[in-house]
Amino acid sequence: MSLINSLLEGLDTSDRERTVGLINQSIAADLENVATGAGPARQVDVGTRSRARRSGSNRSSSRSGR
C-alpha cells in the first residue's frame, strides 16, 4: 500500500477527491517553483521564528577555557 493510499483509507469519496486535489496542487506548485530555480521549502524555512543571536565575543572564549 502506498503512502497516499494509506492516507486516503477510510475517507469518503468527496474527502478523498479533495485530499488528492490538495496533494496535486502542492506537487504542481513545488514543480513550478523548482522550474523557476527555487528549491522546495524545508520545514525550517517556514514560519517567522528567527535564530538566537549571541551578544559579544567573550562568551565563546569563556566556554573554551581561554
N, C-alpha and C. Protein backbone atom coordinates (compact mmCIF):
# COMPACT_ATOMS: atom_id res chain seq x y z
N MET A 1 0.85 -1.18 0.00
CA MET A 1 0.00 0.00 0.00
C MET A 1 0.90 1.24 0.00
N SER A 2 0.60 2.18 -0.87
CA SER A 2 1.40 3.40 -0.95
C SER A 2 1.03 4.35 0.19
N LEU A 3 1.88 5.31 0.41
CA LEU A 3 1.64 6.30 1.46
C LEU A 3 0.33 7.05 1.20
N ILE A 4 0.13 7.47 -0.03
CA ILE A 4 -1.09 8.22 -0.35
C ILE A 4 -2.32 7.36 -0.14
N ASN A 5 -2.26 6.10 -0.57
CA ASN A 5 -3.41 5.22 -0.36
C ASN A 5 -3.70 5.04 1.12
N SER A 6 -2.65 4.93 1.94
CA SER A 6 -2.88 4.77 3.37
C SER A 6 -3.49 6.03 3.98
N LEU A 7 -3.11 7.20 3.45
CA LEU A 7 -3.70 8.45 3.94
C LEU A 7 -5.17 8.57 3.56
N LEU A 8 -5.52 8.01 2.41
CA LEU A 8 -6.89 8.14 1.91
C LEU A 8 -7.82 7.06 2.45
N GLU A 9 -7.27 6.04 3.06
CA GLU A 9 -8.08 4.93 3.56
C GLU A 9 -9.07 5.44 4.61
N GLY A 10 -10.32 5.08 4.44
CA GLY A 10 -11.34 5.47 5.39
C GLY A 10 -12.04 6.78 5.08
N LEU A 11 -11.58 7.50 4.05
CA LEU A 11 -12.23 8.75 3.67
C LEU A 11 -13.37 8.46 2.70
N ASP A 12 -14.42 9.26 2.77
CA ASP A 12 -15.48 9.10 1.78
C ASP A 12 -15.01 9.71 0.46
N THR A 13 -15.79 9.54 -0.58
CA THR A 13 -15.39 9.94 -1.93
C THR A 13 -15.08 11.42 -2.03
N SER A 14 -15.91 12.27 -1.45
CA SER A 14 -15.67 13.71 -1.58
C SER A 14 -14.40 14.14 -0.83
N ASP A 15 -14.19 13.59 0.37
CA ASP A 15 -12.96 13.90 1.11
C ASP A 15 -11.73 13.38 0.39
N ARG A 16 -11.85 12.20 -0.19
CA ARG A 16 -10.73 11.61 -0.94
C ARG A 16 -10.38 12.48 -2.14
N GLU A 17 -11.39 12.93 -2.89
CA GLU A 17 -11.14 13.78 -4.06
C GLU A 17 -10.53 15.12 -3.64
N ARG A 18 -11.02 15.69 -2.55
CA ARG A 18 -10.48 16.96 -2.05
C ARG A 18 -9.02 16.78 -1.62
N THR A 19 -8.73 15.71 -0.91
CA THR A 19 -7.36 15.46 -0.44
C THR A 19 -6.41 15.23 -1.60
N VAL A 20 -6.82 14.44 -2.57
CA VAL A 20 -5.98 14.20 -3.75
C VAL A 20 -5.77 15.51 -4.50
N GLY A 21 -6.80 16.35 -4.58
CA GLY A 21 -6.66 17.65 -5.24
C GLY A 21 -5.64 18.54 -4.53
N LEU A 22 -5.69 18.56 -3.20
CA LEU A 22 -4.72 19.36 -2.43
C LEU A 22 -3.30 18.85 -2.62
N ILE A 23 -3.14 17.53 -2.62
CA ILE A 23 -1.81 16.94 -2.84
C ILE A 23 -1.31 17.30 -4.22
N ASN A 24 -2.17 17.18 -5.23
CA ASN A 24 -1.78 17.50 -6.60
C ASN A 24 -1.40 18.98 -6.74
N GLN A 25 -2.16 19.87 -6.10
CA GLN A 25 -1.83 21.30 -6.15
C GLN A 25 -0.48 21.58 -5.51
N SER A 26 -0.21 20.93 -4.40
CA SER A 26 1.06 21.13 -3.70
C SER A 26 2.23 20.64 -4.55
N ILE A 27 2.06 19.48 -5.17
CA ILE A 27 3.12 18.94 -6.04
C ILE A 27 3.33 19.85 -7.24
N ALA A 28 2.24 20.32 -7.85
CA ALA A 28 2.35 21.20 -9.01
C ALA A 28 3.05 22.51 -8.64
N ALA A 29 2.73 23.06 -7.47
CA ALA A 29 3.37 24.30 -7.03
C ALA A 29 4.86 24.08 -6.78
N ASP A 30 5.22 22.95 -6.16
CA ASP A 30 6.64 22.64 -5.93
C ASP A 30 7.38 22.49 -7.25
N LEU A 31 6.78 21.79 -8.21
CA LEU A 31 7.43 21.61 -9.52
C LEU A 31 7.60 22.94 -10.24
N GLU A 32 6.61 23.80 -10.13
CA GLU A 32 6.69 25.12 -10.77
C GLU A 32 7.80 25.96 -10.13
N ASN A 33 7.89 25.90 -8.81
CA ASN A 33 8.95 26.64 -8.12
C ASN A 33 10.33 26.12 -8.48
N VAL A 34 10.48 24.82 -8.58
CA VAL A 34 11.77 24.23 -8.96
C VAL A 34 12.12 24.63 -10.39
N ALA A 35 11.12 24.69 -11.27
CA ALA A 35 11.37 25.08 -12.66
C ALA A 35 11.86 26.52 -12.77
N THR A 36 11.46 27.37 -11.83
CA THR A 36 11.91 28.76 -11.84
C THR A 36 13.20 28.96 -11.07
N GLY A 37 13.76 27.87 -10.55
CA GLY A 37 15.06 27.94 -9.89
C GLY A 37 15.03 27.87 -8.38
N ALA A 38 13.87 27.83 -7.79
CA ALA A 38 13.78 27.75 -6.33
C ALA A 38 13.79 26.29 -5.90
N GLY A 39 14.38 26.04 -4.76
CA GLY A 39 14.35 24.70 -4.19
C GLY A 39 13.07 24.52 -3.40
N PRO A 40 12.70 23.29 -3.14
CA PRO A 40 11.50 23.07 -2.33
C PRO A 40 11.69 23.61 -0.92
N ALA A 41 10.63 24.12 -0.33
CA ALA A 41 10.71 24.69 1.02
C ALA A 41 10.99 23.58 2.02
N ARG A 42 11.92 23.83 2.92
CA ARG A 42 12.19 22.90 4.00
C ARG A 42 11.42 23.36 5.22
N GLN A 43 11.14 22.46 6.11
CA GLN A 43 10.36 22.80 7.30
C GLN A 43 11.00 23.94 8.08
N VAL A 44 12.32 23.98 8.14
CA VAL A 44 12.99 25.04 8.90
C VAL A 44 12.87 26.39 8.22
N ASP A 45 12.53 26.43 6.93
CA ASP A 45 12.39 27.68 6.21
C ASP A 45 11.01 28.30 6.39
N VAL A 46 10.10 27.58 6.99
CA VAL A 46 8.72 28.02 7.11
C VAL A 46 8.51 28.67 8.47
N GLY A 47 7.80 29.76 8.50
CA GLY A 47 7.47 30.40 9.77
C GLY A 47 8.28 31.66 10.01
N THR A 48 8.01 32.26 11.16
CA THR A 48 8.63 33.55 11.47
C THR A 48 9.68 33.45 12.56
N ARG A 49 9.98 32.27 13.01
CA ARG A 49 10.95 32.10 14.09
C ARG A 49 12.34 32.48 13.61
N SER A 50 13.02 33.32 14.37
CA SER A 50 14.37 33.72 13.97
C SER A 50 15.39 33.03 14.86
N ARG A 51 16.63 33.00 14.40
CA ARG A 51 17.70 32.37 15.16
C ARG A 51 18.09 33.24 16.34
N ALA A 52 18.49 32.60 17.40
CA ALA A 52 19.01 33.33 18.55
C ALA A 52 20.38 33.88 18.20
N ARG A 53 20.65 35.07 18.65
CA ARG A 53 21.95 35.70 18.36
C ARG A 53 22.76 35.78 19.65
N ARG A 54 24.02 35.56 19.48
CA ARG A 54 24.92 35.68 20.63
C ARG A 54 25.35 37.13 20.75
N SER A 55 25.37 37.63 21.96
CA SER A 55 25.82 39.01 22.15
C SER A 55 27.25 38.99 22.69
N GLY A 56 28.12 39.67 22.01
CA GLY A 56 29.52 39.76 22.44
C GLY A 56 30.33 38.54 22.06
N SER A 57 31.64 38.72 22.02
CA SER A 57 32.51 37.61 21.64
C SER A 57 33.16 36.96 22.85
N ASN A 58 32.97 37.52 24.05
CA ASN A 58 33.59 36.97 25.25
C ASN A 58 32.97 35.66 25.68
N ARG A 59 31.74 35.45 25.34
CA ARG A 59 31.06 34.21 25.73
C ARG A 59 31.75 32.98 25.18
N SER A 60 32.03 32.98 23.89
CA SER A 60 32.60 31.79 23.27
C SER A 60 33.98 31.49 23.82
N SER A 61 34.77 32.53 24.14
CA SER A 61 36.11 32.27 24.67
C SER A 61 36.05 31.80 26.11
N SER A 62 35.01 32.22 26.86
CA SER A 62 34.92 31.76 28.25
C SER A 62 34.49 30.30 28.33
N ARG A 63 33.77 29.82 27.34
CA ARG A 63 33.36 28.42 27.32
C ARG A 63 34.53 27.49 27.02
N SER A 64 35.44 27.96 26.21
CA SER A 64 36.54 27.09 25.81
C SER A 64 37.67 27.09 26.83
N GLY A 65 37.55 27.88 27.88
CA GLY A 65 38.55 27.90 28.92
C GLY A 65 39.73 28.78 28.62
N ARG A 66 39.59 29.68 27.67
CA ARG A 66 40.69 30.58 27.30
C ARG A 66 40.74 31.79 28.18
